[in-house]
């Protein structure tokens, strides 16, 4: 569990996460609702995950690869 947490934190630390823009360049609003049931979770939404630099992109890819290996 701690490996997953560290990997997620590493990936998020090197990415800028932004709202998706429509064809007119306006940011699309995110549905902040959630499902209810035995397990609650956020409704699906779109977002852009943009590396902060080439080094950041390499680090995120490496961390994601480590998750696939385990």
Protein backbone atom coordinates (compact mmCIF):
# COMPACT_ATOMS: atom_id res chain seq x y z
CA UNK A 1 0.00 0.00 0.00
CA UNK A 2 2.79 2.46 0.83
CA UNK A 3 4.43 1.83 -2.56
CA UNK A 4 1.21 2.78 -4.32
CA UNK A 5 0.90 5.95 -2.20
CA UNK A 6 4.50 7.01 -2.92
CA UNK A 7 4.07 6.30 -6.64
CA UNK A 8 0.84 8.32 -6.83
CA UNK A 9 2.46 11.21 -4.94
CA UNK A 10 5.49 11.13 -7.26
CA UNK A 11 3.35 11.14 -10.40
CA UNK A 12 1.16 13.99 -9.12
CA UNK A 13 4.16 16.06 -8.00
CA UNK A 14 5.49 16.32 -11.56
CA UNK A 15 2.22 17.06 -13.37
CA UNK A 16 0.00 20.11 -13.74
CA UNK A 17 -3.63 19.00 -13.70
CA UNK A 18 -5.99 21.37 -15.51
CA UNK A 19 -9.58 21.48 -16.70
CA UNK A 20 -10.33 20.44 -20.28
CA UNK A 21 -11.18 23.27 -22.69
CA UNK A 22 -13.97 23.12 -25.26
CA UNK A 23 -13.61 24.01 -28.95
CA UNK A 24 -13.97 27.73 -28.08
CA UNK A 25 -11.19 27.59 -25.50
CA UNK A 26 -13.53 27.86 -22.51
CA UNK A 27 -12.80 25.65 -19.51
CA UNK A 28 -15.36 22.89 -19.05
CA UNK A 29 -16.80 22.66 -15.56
CA UNK A 30 -16.18 19.50 -13.56
CA UNK A 31 -19.12 17.53 -12.21
CA UNK A 32 -18.38 17.51 -8.48
CA UNK A 33 -21.05 14.93 -7.78
CA UNK A 34 -20.45 11.41 -6.61
CA UNK A 35 -22.12 8.04 -6.76
CA UNK A 36 -23.72 6.62 -3.67
CA UNK A 37 -23.87 3.02 -2.67
CA UNK A 38 -21.71 0.62 -0.73
CA UNK A 39 -18.62 2.42 -2.03
CA UNK A 40 -18.86 6.14 -2.87
CA UNK A 41 -16.68 7.63 -5.58
CA UNK A 42 -16.48 10.78 -7.68
CA UNK A 43 -18.35 10.87 -10.98
CA UNK A 44 -16.07 10.52 -14.03
CA UNK A 45 -14.61 13.76 -15.37
CA UNK A 46 -12.07 14.85 -17.98
CA UNK A 47 -8.80 16.58 -17.10
CA UNK A 48 -5.46 17.39 -18.71
CA UNK A 49 -2.33 15.95 -17.12
CA UNK A 50 0.59 18.03 -18.38
CA UNK A 51 4.22 17.28 -17.43
CA UNK A 52 5.97 20.27 -15.84
CA UNK A 53 9.17 19.48 -17.80
CA UNK A 54 10.82 16.74 -19.88
CA UNK A 55 12.48 15.43 -16.71
CA UNK A 56 9.10 15.45 -14.97
CA UNK A 57 7.57 13.48 -17.83
CA UNK A 58 10.36 10.89 -17.63
CA UNK A 59 9.89 10.58 -13.86
CA UNK A 60 6.10 10.14 -14.18
CA UNK A 61 6.53 7.48 -16.87
CA UNK A 62 9.10 5.65 -14.76
CA UNK A 63 6.82 5.72 -11.70
CA UNK A 64 3.86 4.50 -13.76
CA UNK A 65 6.00 1.67 -15.14
CA UNK A 66 6.90 0.61 -11.60
CA UNK A 67 3.19 0.28 -10.78
CA UNK A 68 2.69 -1.98 -13.82
CA UNK A 69 5.60 -4.19 -12.75
CA UNK A 70 4.20 -4.77 -9.26
